[in-house]
Structures are given as structure tokens and as C-alpha cells.
PDB file of N, CA and C in Angstrom:
ATOM      1  N   MET A   1      69.354  67.691  -5.696  1.00  0.00           N
ATOM      2  CA  MET A   1      69.523  67.372  -7.087  1.00  0.00           C
ATOM      3  C   MET A   1      70.974  67.792  -7.553  1.00  0.00           C
ATOM      4  N   THR A   2      71.752  67.055  -8.173  1.00  0.00           N
ATOM      5  CA  THR A   2      73.033  67.358  -8.626  1.00  0.00           C
ATOM      6  C   THR A   2      73.021  67.743 -10.122  1.00  0.00           C
ATOM      7  N   VAL A   3      73.689  68.773 -10.350  1.00  0.00           N
ATOM      8  CA  VAL A   3      73.902  69.106 -11.821  1.00  0.00           C
ATOM      9  C   VAL A   3      75.212  68.959 -12.352  1.00  0.00           C
ATOM     10  N   PHE A   4      75.234  68.392 -13.583  1.00  0.00           N
ATOM     11  CA  PHE A   4      76.444  67.953 -14.116  1.00  0.00           C
ATOM     12  C   PHE A   4      77.263  69.202 -14.752  1.00  0.00           C
ATOM     13  N   TRP A   5      78.272  69.462 -14.162  1.00  0.00           N
ATOM     14  CA  TRP A   5      79.206  70.566 -14.767  1.00  0.00           C
ATOM     15  C   TRP A   5      80.465  70.062 -15.300  1.00  0.00           C
ATOM     16  N   PRO A   6      80.570  69.715 -16.528  1.00  0.00           N
ATOM     17  CA  PRO A   6      81.900  69.167 -16.987  1.00  0.00           C
ATOM     18  C   PRO A   6      83.050  70.040 -16.852  1.00  0.00           C
ATOM     19  N   LYS A   7      84.144  69.436 -16.567  1.00  0.00           N
ATOM     20  CA  LYS A   7      85.543  70.213 -16.268  1.00  0.00           C
ATOM     21  C   LYS A   7      86.014  70.492 -17.764  1.00  0.00           C
ATOM     22  N   HIS A   8      86.803  71.541 -17.749  1.00  0.00           N
ATOM     23  CA  HIS A   8      87.416  71.884 -19.111  1.00  0.00           C
ATOM     24  C   HIS A   8      88.760  71.105 -19.221  1.00  0.00           C
ATOM     25  N   HIS A   9      88.760  70.231 -20.243  1.00  0.00           N
ATOM     26  CA  HIS A   9      89.971  69.593 -20.483  1.00  0.00           C
ATOM     27  C   HIS A   9      90.812  70.082 -21.648  1.00  0.00           C
ATOM     28  N   GLU A  10      92.121  70.003 -21.628  1.00  0.00           N
ATOM     29  CA  GLU A  10      92.958  70.573 -22.680  1.00  0.00           C
ATOM     30  C   GLU A  10      92.652  69.908 -23.878  1.00  0.00           C
ATOM     31  N   PHE A  11      92.650  68.502 -23.898  1.00  0.00           N
ATOM     32  CA  PHE A  11      92.272  67.640 -25.008  1.00  0.00           C
ATOM     33  C   PHE A  11      90.807  67.041 -24.802  1.00  0.00           C
ATOM     34  N   CYS A  12      89.851  67.570 -25.706  1.00  0.00           N
ATOM     35  CA  CYS A  12      88.501  67.201 -25.615  1.00  0.00           C
ATOM     36  C   CYS A  12      88.183  66.675 -27.087  1.00  0.00           C
ATOM     37  N   ASP A  13      87.283  65.674 -26.961  1.00  0.00           N
ATOM     38  CA  ASP A  13      86.848  65.108 -28.388  1.00  0.00           C
ATOM     39  C   ASP A  13      85.522  66.155 -28.675  1.00  0.00           C
ATOM     40  N   ASP A  14      85.065  65.896 -29.731  1.00  0.00           N
ATOM     41  CA  ASP A  14      83.855  66.816 -30.155  1.00  0.00           C
ATOM     42  C   ASP A  14      82.886  66.711 -29.229  1.00  0.00           C
ATOM     43  N   SER A  15      82.439  65.530 -28.719  1.00  0.00           N
ATOM     44  CA  SER A  15      81.192  65.445 -27.782  1.00  0.00           C
ATOM     45  C   SER A  15      81.401  66.050 -26.535  1.00  0.00           C
ATOM     46  N   GLU A  16      82.706  65.973 -26.008  1.00  0.00           N
ATOM     47  CA  GLU A  16      82.943  66.660 -24.670  1.00  0.00           C
ATOM     48  C   GLU A  16      83.064  68.258 -24.915  1.00  0.00           C
ATOM     49  N   GLN A  17      83.627  68.649 -25.977  1.00  0.00           N
ATOM     50  CA  GLN A  17      83.553  70.030 -26.284  1.00  0.00           C
ATOM     51  C   GLN A  17      82.124  70.546 -26.415  1.00  0.00           C
ATOM     52  N   ALA A  18      81.462  69.785 -27.015  1.00  0.00           N
ATOM     53  CA  ALA A  18      79.926  70.355 -27.243  1.00  0.00           C
ATOM     54  C   ALA A  18      79.271  70.282 -25.917  1.00  0.00           C
ATOM     55  N   ILE A  19      79.477  69.443 -25.059  1.00  0.00           N
ATOM     56  CA  ILE A  19      78.831  69.465 -23.771  1.00  0.00           C
ATOM     57  C   ILE A  19      79.417  70.747 -22.905  1.00  0.00           C
ATOM     58  N   HIS A  20      80.663  70.900 -23.175  1.00  0.00           N
ATOM     59  CA  HIS A  20      81.246  72.079 -22.420  1.00  0.00           C
ATOM     60  C   HIS A  20      80.831  73.345 -22.801  1.00  0.00           C
ATOM     61  N   ASN A  21      80.345  73.495 -24.085  1.00  0.00           N
ATOM     62  CA  ASN A  21      79.825  74.762 -24.641  1.00  0.00           C
ATOM     63  C   ASN A  21      78.401  75.004 -24.469  1.00  0.00           C
ATOM     64  N   LEU A  22      77.719  74.172 -23.662  1.00  0.00           N
ATOM     65  CA  LEU A  22      76.293  74.285 -23.478  1.00  0.00           C
ATOM     66  C   LEU A  22      76.141  75.497 -22.450  1.00  0.00           C
ATOM     67  N   LYS A  23      75.141  76.181 -22.657  1.00  0.00           N
ATOM     68  CA  LYS A  23      74.901  77.216 -21.635  1.00  0.00           C
ATOM     69  C   LYS A  23      74.353  76.540 -20.506  1.00  0.00           C
ATOM     70  N   PRO A  24      74.553  77.131 -19.288  1.00  0.00           N
ATOM     71  CA  PRO A  24      74.238  76.396 -17.900  1.00  0.00           C
ATOM     72  C   PRO A  24      72.502  76.042 -17.954  1.00  0.00           C
ATOM     73  N   GLN A  25      71.722  76.795 -18.552  1.00  0.00           N
ATOM     74  CA  GLN A  25      70.409  76.348 -18.615  1.00  0.00           C
ATOM     75  C   GLN A  25      70.174  75.083 -19.437  1.00  0.00           C
ATOM     76  N   MET A  26      71.047  74.833 -20.331  1.00  0.00           N
ATOM     77  CA  MET A  26      70.801  73.700 -21.230  1.00  0.00           C
ATOM     78  C   MET A  26      71.394  72.388 -20.649  1.00  0.00           C
ATOM     79  N   ARG A  27      72.218  72.591 -19.606  1.00  0.00           N
ATOM     80  CA  ARG A  27      72.824  71.508 -19.068  1.00  0.00           C
ATOM     81  C   ARG A  27      71.865  70.433 -18.523  1.00  0.00           C
ATOM     82  N   VAL A  28      72.179  69.050 -18.540  1.00  0.00           N
ATOM     83  CA  VAL A  28      71.308  68.139 -18.158  1.00  0.00           C
ATOM     84  C   VAL A  28      71.420  67.884 -16.576  1.00  0.00           C
ATOM     85  N   PRO A  29      70.368  67.917 -15.875  1.00  0.00           N
ATOM     86  CA  PRO A  29      70.592  67.522 -14.392  1.00  0.00           C
ATOM     87  C   PRO A  29      70.741  66.021 -14.293  1.00  0.00           C
ATOM     88  N   ILE A  30      71.469  65.608 -13.312  1.00  0.00           N
ATOM     89  CA  ILE A  30      71.619  64.069 -12.980  1.00  0.00           C
ATOM     90  C   ILE A  30      71.036  63.921 -11.660  1.00  0.00           C
ATOM     91  N   LEU A  31      70.030  63.098 -11.545  1.00  0.00           N
ATOM     92  CA  LEU A  31      69.371  62.817 -10.210  1.00  0.00           C
ATOM     93  C   LEU A  31      70.257  62.071  -9.344  1.00  0.00           C
ATOM     94  N   GLU A  32      70.259  62.471  -8.001  1.00  0.00           N
ATOM     95  CA  GLU A  32      70.933  61.730  -7.021  1.00  0.00           C
ATOM     96  C   GLU A  32      70.370  60.329  -6.830  1.00  0.00           C
ATOM     97  N   LYS A  33      71.192  59.390  -6.520  1.00  0.00           N
ATOM     98  CA  LYS A  33      70.767  58.048  -6.176  1.00  0.00           C
ATOM     99  C   LYS A  33      69.910  58.093  -5.052  1.00  0.00           C
ATOM    100  N   GLU A  34      68.738  57.466  -5.083  1.00  0.00           N
ATOM    101  CA  GLU A  34      67.857  57.281  -3.878  1.00  0.00           C
ATOM    102  C   GLU A  34      68.205  55.959  -3.325  1.00  0.00           C
ATOM    103  N   SER A  35      68.098  55.867  -1.969  1.00  0.00           N
ATOM    104  CA  SER A  35      68.384  54.604  -1.360  1.00  0.00           C
ATOM    105  C   SER A  35      67.006  53.926  -1.291  1.00  0.00           C
ATOM    106  N   LEU A  36      67.021  52.654  -1.349  1.00  0.00           N
ATOM    107  CA  LEU A  36      65.863  51.878  -1.351  1.00  0.00           C
ATOM    108  C   LEU A  36      65.922  50.967  -0.125  1.00  0.00           C
ATOM    109  N   THR A  37      64.865  50.964   0.680  1.00  0.00           N
ATOM    110  CA  THR A  37      64.750  50.144   1.929  1.00  0.00           C
ATOM    111  C   THR A  37      63.846  49.055   1.630  1.00  0.00           C
ATOM    112  N   ILE A  38      64.319  47.838   1.776  1.00  0.00           N
ATOM    113  CA  ILE A  38      63.501  46.673   1.652  1.00  0.00           C
ATOM    114  C   ILE A  38      63.317  45.934   3.048  1.00  0.00           C
ATOM    115  N   ASP A  39      62.285  45.520   3.389  1.00  0.00           N
ATOM    116  CA  ASP A  39      61.887  44.861   4.587  1.00  0.00           C
ATOM    117  C   ASP A  39      62.106  43.284   4.122  1.00  0.00           C
ATOM    118  N   PHE A  40      63.406  42.752   4.408  1.00  0.00           N
ATOM    119  CA  PHE A  40      63.581  41.271   3.860  1.00  0.00           C
ATOM    120  C   PHE A  40      62.860  40.448   4.832  1.00  0.00           C
ATOM    121  N   ALA A  41      62.665  40.840   6.070  1.00  0.00           N
ATOM    122  CA  ALA A  41      62.155  39.811   7.151  1.00  0.00           C
ATOM    123  C   ALA A  41      60.824  39.203   6.569  1.00  0.00           C
ATOM    124  N   LYS A  42      59.883  40.094   6.098  1.00  0.00           N
ATOM    125  CA  LYS A  42      58.586  39.711   5.573  1.00  0.00           C
ATOM    126  C   LYS A  42      58.689  38.648   4.471  1.00  0.00           C
ATOM    127  N   GLU A  43      59.650  39.028   3.483  1.00  0.00           N
ATOM    128  CA  GLU A  43      59.822  38.238   2.377  1.00  0.00           C
ATOM    129  C   GLU A  43      60.573  36.879   2.806  1.00  0.00           C
ATOM    130  N   PHE A  44      61.483  36.815   3.736  1.00  0.00           N
ATOM    131  CA  PHE A  44      62.060  35.605   4.103  1.00  0.00           C
ATOM    132  C   PHE A  44      60.975  34.796   4.860  1.00  0.00           C
ATOM    133  N   GLU A  45      60.012  35.417   5.545  1.00  0.00           N
ATOM    134  CA  GLU A  45      58.957  34.636   6.204  1.00  0.00           C
ATOM    135  C   GLU A  45      58.177  33.777   5.224  1.00  0.00           C
ATOM    136  N   LYS A  46      57.793  34.537   4.055  1.00  0.00           N
ATOM    137  CA  LYS A  46      57.019  33.952   3.130  1.00  0.00           C
ATOM    138  C   LYS A  46      57.839  32.710   2.463  1.00  0.00           C
ATOM    139  N   LEU A  47      59.057  32.816   2.209  1.00  0.00           N
ATOM    140  CA  LEU A  47      59.834  31.721   1.660  1.00  0.00           C
ATOM    141  C   LEU A  47      59.923  30.654   2.786  1.00  0.00           C
ATOM    142  N   ALA A  48      60.138  31.002   4.000  1.00  0.00           N
ATOM    143  CA  ALA A  48      60.288  30.087   5.163  1.00  0.00           C
ATOM    144  C   ALA A  48      59.041  29.146   5.221  1.00  0.00           C
ATOM    145  N   LEU A  49      57.848  29.960   5.174  1.00  0.00           N
ATOM    146  CA  LEU A  49      56.620  29.298   5.272  1.00  0.00           C
ATOM    147  C   LEU A  49      56.486  28.111   4.178  1.00  0.00           C
ATOM    148  N   PHE A  50      56.839  28.367   3.184  1.00  0.00           N
ATOM    149  CA  PHE A  50      56.843  27.250   2.066  1.00  0.00           C
ATOM    150  C   PHE A  50      57.552  26.052   2.408  1.00  0.00           C
ATOM    151  N   VAL A  51      58.768  26.457   2.806  1.00  0.00           N
ATOM    152  CA  VAL A  51      59.780  25.345   3.184  1.00  0.00           C
ATOM    153  C   VAL A  51      59.267  24.612   4.381  1.00  0.00           C
ATOM    154  N   ALA A  52      58.789  25.361   5.394  1.00  0.00           N
ATOM    155  CA  ALA A  52      58.344  24.739   6.682  1.00  0.00           C
ATOM    156  C   ALA A  52      57.031  23.878   6.419  1.00  0.00           C
ATOM    157  N   GLN A  53      56.238  24.164   5.490  1.00  0.00           N
ATOM    158  CA  GLN A  53      55.102  23.405   5.241  1.00  0.00           C
ATOM    159  C   GLN A  53      55.518  22.048   4.492  1.00  0.00           C
ATOM    160  N   ALA A  54      56.549  22.139   3.698  1.00  0.00           N
ATOM    161  CA  ALA A  54      57.060  21.046   3.132  1.00  0.00           C
ATOM    162  C   ALA A  54      57.653  20.068   4.221  1.00  0.00           C
ATOM    163  N   TRP A  55      58.364  20.642   5.186  1.00  0.00           N
ATOM    164  CA  TRP A  55      58.900  19.794   6.183  1.00  0.00           C
ATOM    165  C   TRP A  55      57.833  19.218   6.965  1.00  0.00           C
ATOM    166  N   LEU A  56      56.654  20.001   7.344  1.00  0.00           N
ATOM    167  CA  LEU A  56      55.728  19.559   8.206  1.00  0.00           C
ATOM    168  C   LEU A  56      54.915  18.431   7.411  1.00  0.00           C
ATOM    169  N   ASP A  57      54.770  18.454   6.084  1.00  0.00           N
ATOM    170  CA  ASP A  57      54.190  17.337   5.208  1.00  0.00           C
ATOM    171  C   ASP A  57      54.982  15.957   5.447  1.00  0.00           C
ATOM    172  N   GLU A  58      56.360  16.151   5.636  1.00  0.00           N
ATOM    173  CA  GLU A  58      57.183  14.986   5.636  1.00  0.00           C
ATOM    174  C   GLU A  58      57.149  14.580   7.117  1.00  0.00           C
ATOM    175  N   HIS A  59      56.703  15.351   7.932  1.00  0.00           N
ATOM    176  CA  HIS A  59      56.721  14.852   9.445  1.00  0.00           C
ATOM    177  C   HIS A  59      55.293  15.069  10.037  1.00  0.00           C
ATOM    178  N   PRO A  60      54.397  14.275   9.642  1.00  0.00           N
ATOM    179  CA  PRO A  60      52.938  14.416   9.997  1.00  0.00           C
ATOM    180  C   PRO A  60      52.845  14.235  11.648  1.00  0.00           C
ATOM    181  N   ASN A  61      53.606  13.590  12.287  1.00  0.00           N
ATOM    182  CA  ASN A  61      53.427  13.511  13.738  1.00  0.00           C
ATOM    183  C   ASN A  61      54.208  14.499  14.606  1.00  0.00           C
ATOM    184  N   ALA A  62      54.696  15.589  13.904  1.00  0.00           N
ATOM    185  CA  ALA A  62      55.370  16.645  14.526  1.00  0.00           C
ATOM    186  C   ALA A  62      54.465  17.309  15.625  1.00  0.00           C
ATOM    187  N   ASN A  63      55.070  17.788  16.749  1.00  0.00           N
ATOM    188  CA  ASN A  63      54.295  18.169  17.992  1.00  0.00           C
ATOM    189  C   ASN A  63      54.883  19.395  18.269  1.00  0.00           C
ATOM    190  N   LEU A  64      54.040  20.452  18.678  1.00  0.00           N
ATOM    191  CA  LEU A  64      54.404  21.764  19.069  1.00  0.00           C
ATOM    192  C   LEU A  64      55.216  21.696  20.472  1.00  0.00           C
ATOM    193  N   HIS A  65      54.963  20.758  21.182  1.00  0.00           N
ATOM    194  CA  HIS A  65      55.601  20.567  22.507  1.00  0.00           C
ATOM    195  C   HIS A  65      56.812  19.862  22.539  1.00  0.00           C
ATOM    196  N   SER A  66      57.158  19.410  21.316  1.00  0.00           N
ATOM    197  CA  SER A  66      58.445  18.665  21.186  1.00  0.00           C
ATOM    198  C   SER A  66      59.612  19.651  20.687  1.00  0.00           C
ATOM    199  N   GLN A  67      60.510  19.843  21.619  1.00  0.00           N
ATOM    200  CA  GLN A  67      61.767  20.819  21.288  1.00  0.00           C
ATOM    201  C   GLN A  67      62.432  20.044  20.115  1.00  0.00           C
ATOM    202  N   THR A  68      62.607  18.646  19.988  1.00  0.00           N
ATOM    203  CA  THR A  68      63.196  18.081  18.950  1.00  0.00           C
ATOM    204  C   THR A  68      62.717  18.462  17.638  1.00  0.00           C
ATOM    205  N   ASP A  69      61.251  18.413  17.462  1.00  0.00           N
ATOM    206  CA  ASP A  69      60.592  18.744  16.268  1.00  0.00           C
ATOM    207  C   ASP A  69      60.747  20.142  15.804  1.00  0.00           C
ATOM    208  N   PHE A  70      60.710  21.000  16.925  1.00  0.00           N
ATOM    209  CA  PHE A  70      60.863  22.543  16.547  1.00  0.00           C
ATOM    210  C   PHE A  70      62.389  22.719  16.047  1.00  0.00           C
ATOM    211  N   GLN A  71      63.285  22.091  16.790  1.00  0.00           N
ATOM    212  CA  GLN A  71      64.698  22.374  16.368  1.00  0.00           C
ATOM    213  C   GLN A  71      64.937  21.707  14.872  1.00  0.00           C
ATOM    214  N   ASP A  72      64.275  20.564  14.686  1.00  0.00           N
ATOM    215  CA  ASP A  72      64.616  19.875  13.363  1.00  0.00           C
ATOM    216  C   ASP A  72      63.882  20.806  12.196  1.00  0.00           C
ATOM    217  N   CYS A  73      62.658  21.318  12.406  1.00  0.00           N
ATOM    218  CA  CYS A  73      62.082  22.156  11.607  1.00  0.00           C
ATOM    219  C   CYS A  73      62.954  23.485  11.304  1.00  0.00           C
ATOM    220  N   VAL A  74      63.460  23.970  12.418  1.00  0.00           N
ATOM    221  CA  VAL A  74      64.250  25.264  12.230  1.00  0.00           C
ATOM    222  C   VAL A  74      65.625  24.984  11.359  1.00  0.00           C
ATOM    223  N   GLN A  75      66.235  23.819  11.618  1.00  0.00           N
ATOM    224  CA  GLN A  75      67.366  23.589  11.077  1.00  0.00           C
ATOM    225  C   GLN A  75      67.294  23.282   9.532  1.00  0.00           C
ATOM    226  N   TYR A  76      66.136  22.514   9.227  1.00  0.00           N
ATOM    227  CA  TYR A  76      65.889  22.262   7.817  1.00  0.00           C
ATOM    228  C   TYR A  76      65.439  23.447   7.059  1.00  0.00           C
ATOM    229  N   VAL A  77      64.747  24.421   7.585  1.00  0.00           N
ATOM    230  CA  VAL A  77      64.269  25.559   6.962  1.00  0.00           C
ATOM    231  C   VAL A  77      65.502  26.490   6.720  1.00  0.00           C
ATOM    232  N   THR A  78      66.268  26.611   7.846  1.00  0.00           N
ATOM    233  CA  THR A  78      67.499  27.518   7.853  1.00  0.00           C
ATOM    234  C   THR A  78      68.542  27.061   6.830  1.00  0.00           C
ATOM    235  N   ALA A  79      68.579  25.815   6.769  1.00  0.00           N
ATOM    236  CA  ALA A  79      69.560  25.194   5.681  1.00  0.00           C
ATOM    237  C   ALA A  79      69.084  25.467   4.247  1.00  0.00           C
ATOM    238  N   GLU A  80      67.730  25.273   4.033  1.00  0.00           N
ATOM    239  CA  GLU A  80      67.161  25.550   2.652  1.00  0.00           C
ATOM    240  C   GLU A  80      67.220  27.030   2.347  1.00  0.00           C
ATOM    241  N   LEU A  81      67.058  27.938   3.297  1.00  0.00           N
ATOM    242  CA  LEU A  81      67.229  29.292   3.020  1.00  0.00           C
ATOM    243  C   LEU A  81      68.705  29.791   2.727  1.00  0.00           C
ATOM    244  N   ALA A  82      69.499  29.169   3.605  1.00  0.00           N
ATOM    245  CA  ALA A  82      70.969  29.397   3.264  1.00  0.00           C
ATOM    246  C   ALA A  82      71.424  28.947   1.862  1.00  0.00           C
ATOM    247  N   LYS A  83      70.741  27.934   1.460  1.00  0.00           N
ATOM    248  CA  LYS A  83      71.146  27.556  -0.014  1.00  0.00           C
ATOM    249  C   LYS A  83      70.583  28.524  -0.948  1.00  0.00           C
ATOM    250  N   ALA A  84      69.394  28.985  -0.758  1.00  0.00           N
ATOM    251  CA  ALA A  84      68.807  30.107  -1.462  1.00  0.00           C
ATOM    252  C   ALA A  84      69.599  31.375  -1.572  1.00  0.00           C
ATOM    253  N   GLY A  85      70.078  31.630  -0.401  1.00  0.00           N
ATOM    254  CA  GLY A  85      70.873  32.987  -0.134  1.00  0.00           C
ATOM    255  C   GLY A  85      72.234  32.763  -0.942  1.00  0.00           C
ATOM    256  N   SER A  86      72.788  31.584  -0.888  1.00  0.00           N
ATOM    257  CA  SER A  86      74.087  31.384  -1.818  1.00  0.00           C
ATOM    258  C   SER A  86      73.669  31.432  -3.178  1.00  0.00           C
ATOM    259  N   ALA A  87      72.585  31.025  -3.685  1.00  0.00           N
ATOM    260  CA  ALA A  87      72.356  31.059  -5.049  1.00  0.00           C
ATOM    261  C   ALA A  87      71.914  32.425  -5.524  1.00  0.00           C
ATOM    262  N   VAL A  88      71.285  33.136  -4.641  1.00  0.00           N
ATOM    263  CA  VAL A  88      70.777  34.439  -5.061  1.00  0.00           C
ATOM    264  C   VAL A  88      71.960  35.499  -5.036  1.00  0.00           C
ATOM    265  N   GLY A  89      72.681  35.397  -3.843  1.00  0.00           N
ATOM    266  CA  GLY A  89      73.834  36.442  -3.552  1.00  0.00           C
ATOM    267  C   GLY A  89      73.264  37.734  -3.422  1.00  0.00           C
ATOM    268  N   GLY A  90      74.047  38.750  -3.628  1.00  0.00           N
ATOM    269  CA  GLY A  90      73.630  40.196  -3.328  1.00  0.00           C
ATOM    270  C   GLY A  90      73.169  40.461  -2.029  1.00  0.00           C
ATOM    271  N   PRO A  91      72.442  41.550  -1.698  1.00  0.00           N
ATOM    272  CA  PRO A  91      72.117  42.079  -0.349  1.00  0.00           C
ATOM    273  C   PRO A  91      71.120  40.984   0.223  1.00  0.00           C
ATOM    274  N   ALA A  92      70.157  40.443  -0.507  1.00  0.00           N
ATOM    275  CA  ALA A  92      69.198  39.475   0.036  1.00  0.00           C
ATOM    276  C   ALA A  92      69.986  38.114   0.402  1.00  0.00           C
ATOM    277  N   GLY A  93      70.805  37.640  -0.394  1.00  0.00           N
ATOM    278  CA  GLY A  93      71.586  36.553  -0.110  1.00  0.00           C
ATOM    279  C   GLY A  93      72.500  36.689   1.260  1.00  0.00           C
ATOM    280  N   LEU A  94      73.074  37.757   1.288  1.00  0.00           N
ATOM    281  CA  LEU A  94      73.873  38.203   2.376  1.00  0.00           C
ATOM    282  C   LEU A  94      73.049  38.190   3.747  1.00  0.00           C
ATOM    283  N   GLU A  95      71.882  38.819   3.624  1.00  0.00           N
ATOM    284  CA  GLU A  95      70.993  38.943   4.906  1.00  0.00           C
ATOM    285  C   GLU A  95      70.479  37.464   5.190  1.00  0.00           C
ATOM    286  N   LEU A  96      70.237  36.633   4.187  1.00  0.00           N
ATOM    287  CA  LEU A  96      69.689  35.293   4.454  1.00  0.00           C
ATOM    288  C   LEU A  96      70.804  34.575   5.299  1.00  0.00           C
ATOM    289  N   LEU A  97      72.246  34.809   4.817  1.00  0.00           N
ATOM    290  CA  LEU A  97      73.328  33.996   5.387  1.00  0.00           C
ATOM    291  C   LEU A  97      73.780  34.496   6.667  1.00  0.00           C
ATOM    292  N   THR A  98      73.384  35.688   7.017  1.00  0.00           N
ATOM    293  CA  THR A  98      73.997  36.302   8.246  1.00  0.00           C
ATOM    294  C   THR A  98      72.717  36.527   9.317  1.00  0.00           C
ATOM    295  N   GLY A  99      71.879  35.594   9.229  1.00  0.00           N
ATOM    296  CA  GLY A  99      70.830  35.432  10.405  1.00  0.00           C
ATOM    297  C   GLY A  99      69.411  35.609   9.980  1.00  0.00           C
ATOM    298  N   GLY A 100      69.121  36.305   8.921  1.00  0.00           N
ATOM    299  CA  GLY A 100      67.766  36.454   8.290  1.00  0.00           C
ATOM    300  C   GLY A 100      67.009  35.254   8.128  1.00  0.00           C
ATOM    301  N   GLY A 101      67.820  34.180   7.637  1.00  0.00           N
ATOM    302  CA  GLY A 101      67.191  32.898   7.442  1.00  0.00           C
ATOM    303  C   GLY A 101      66.735  32.176   8.606  1.00  0.00           C
ATOM    304  N   SER A 102      67.588  32.257   9.660  1.00  0.00           N
ATOM    305  CA  SER A 102      67.258  31.428  10.895  1.00  0.00           C
ATOM    306  C   SER A 102      66.138  32.135  11.665  1.00  0.00           C
ATOM    307  N   GLU A 103      66.100  33.537  11.655  1.00  0.00           N
ATOM    308  CA  GLU A 103      65.111  34.442  12.359  1.00  0.00           C
ATOM    309  C   GLU A 103      63.659  33.950  11.687  1.00  0.00           C
ATOM    310  N   ALA A 104      63.630  33.965  10.390  1.00  0.00           N
ATOM    311  CA  ALA A 104      62.479  33.622   9.775  1.00  0.00           C
ATOM    312  C   ALA A 104      62.131  32.120  10.065  1.00  0.00           C
ATOM    313  N   ALA A 105      63.001  31.283  10.035  1.00  0.00           N
ATOM    314  CA  ALA A 105      62.678  29.857  10.334  1.00  0.00           C
ATOM    315  C   ALA A 105      62.077  29.681  11.783  1.00  0.00           C
ATOM    316  N   CYS A 106      62.742  30.331  12.626  1.00  0.00           N
ATOM    317  CA  CYS A 106      62.074  30.147  14.004  1.00  0.00           C
ATOM    318  C   CYS A 106      60.670  30.648  14.119  1.00  0.00           C
ATOM    319  N   LYS A 107      60.343  31.829  13.458  1.00  0.00           N
ATOM    320  CA  LYS A 107      58.983  32.221  13.618  1.00  0.00           C
ATOM    321  C   LYS A 107      58.063  31.368  12.883  1.00  0.00           C
ATOM    322  N   VAL A 108      58.454  30.848  11.713  1.00  0.00           N
ATOM    323  CA  VAL A 108      57.413  30.117  10.799  1.00  0.00           C
ATOM    324  C   VAL A 108      57.351  28.807  11.278  1.00  0.00           C
ATOM    325  N   CYS A 109      58.403  28.160  11.844  1.00  0.00           N
ATOM    326  CA  CYS A 109      58.367  26.807  12.384  1.00  0.00           C
ATOM    327  C   CYS A 109      57.382  26.802  13.537  1.00  0.00           C
ATOM    328  N   LYS A 110      57.435  27.718  14.526  1.00  0.00           N
ATOM    329  CA  LYS A 110      56.494  27.860  15.561  1.00  0.00           C
ATOM    330  C   LYS A 110      55.154  27.991  15.139  1.00  0.00           C
ATOM    331  N   SER A 111      54.929  28.857  14.142  1.00  0.00           N
ATOM    332  CA  SER A 111      53.528  29.050  13.585  1.00  0.00           C
ATOM    333  C   SER A 111      52.884  27.795  12.987  1.00  0.00           C
ATOM    334  N   VAL A 112      53.605  27.183  12.105  1.00  0.00           N
ATOM    335  CA  VAL A 112      53.316  25.954  11.386  1.00  0.00           C
ATOM    336  C   VAL A 112      52.912  24.768  12.661  1.00  0.00           C
ATOM    337  N   LEU A 113      53.835  24.632  13.509  1.00  0.00           N
ATOM    338  CA  LEU A 113      53.523  23.572  14.599  1.00  0.00           C
ATOM    339  C   LEU A 113      52.364  23.901  15.338  1.00  0.00           C
ATOM    340  N   VAL A 114      52.115  25.288  15.663  1.00  0.00           N
ATOM    341  CA  VAL A 114      50.874  25.755  16.386  1.00  0.00           C
ATOM    342  C   VAL A 114      49.687  25.387  15.547  1.00  0.00           C
ATOM    343  N   ASP A 115      49.732  25.636  14.380  1.00  0.00           N
ATOM    344  CA  ASP A 115      48.467  25.547  13.418  1.00  0.00           C
ATOM    345  C   ASP A 115      48.237  24.007  13.371  1.00  0.00           C
ATOM    346  N   ARG A 116      49.323  23.184  13.227  1.00  0.00           N
ATOM    347  CA  ARG A 116      49.153  21.677  13.278  1.00  0.00           C
ATOM    348  C   ARG A 116      48.514  21.311  14.551  1.00  0.00           C
ATOM    349  N   ASN A 117      48.866  21.749  15.608  1.00  0.00           N
ATOM    350  CA  ASN A 117      48.288  21.174  16.870  1.00  0.00           C
ATOM    351  C   ASN A 117      46.930  21.774  17.003  1.00  0.00           C
ATOM    352  N   VAL A 118      46.641  22.944  16.476  1.00  0.00           N
ATOM    353  CA  VAL A 118      45.264  23.521  16.679  1.00  0.00           C
ATOM    354  C   VAL A 118      44.278  22.843  15.882  1.00  0.00           C
ATOM    355  N   GLU A 119      44.735  22.287  14.598  1.00  0.00           N
ATOM    356  CA  GLU A 119      43.796  21.415  13.740  1.00  0.00           C
ATOM    357  C   GLU A 119      43.644  20.050  14.304  1.00  0.00           C
ATOM    358  N   ALA A 120      44.554  19.565  15.105  1.00  0.00           N
ATOM    359  CA  ALA A 120      44.513  18.202  15.533  1.00  0.00           C
ATOM    360  C   ALA A 120      43.492  18.057  16.656  1.00  0.00           C
TER     361      ALA A 120
END
């Protein structure tokens, strides 16, 4: 925990002077920033699943054993996730644009193609 100890300034306005005159017991503690860890991979896979299922609906004859179908699915899902990453920005957008989207696309496309072939 970090405690706020204001520095004495030669020219203080009334509020700064009031803070400076507080007894140490009365000073307000400022909590340290906590780092938040987010597992983007699971969230990206949820997004990728939605997009991959849409791709699969448009390609009813897609086959697990076809490298072309798998690559088409991955390219489509990766492109859609890249669009989302650009729109969202921030850490999630950066993660999507620097490989997180394509990793999720590979996992999800393989699983939807496997599911399609199991059902058939």
C-alpha cells in the first residue's frame, strides 16, 4: 500500500495547504494499481467459433480431410477477427492482430470441421 505524503510547496492554494496540515493518521491511503490478467485465448476462441460456424454454414460440403477447406476457414476467421481487433483496439485488439486471432481460428476451424464430419 502506498500512502500519499504531499510535498510542501512554497506557493500552495488552500486545498493543498489543508492536505499538508493533516496529521499523518488522517492522510488518505492510495491503493497500488493491481495488474489484471486476462486469458484472451478462451475469449477469442468463443468469437472464432461464431465466425467459423457462419463460414461452415456457407460451405456445407466442407471436409475435414481437405486442406483447402481448412485453410479457407482459417483465413476467413482470421480476417474477421482482425477486423474486430482493429475496431476494438487496446490490448485485446493488439492481441488479436498479433497472432491471437489466427491461433483461435486454427483451433476452432479444426473443431468445427471435425464436428461436421462426425455428424455426417
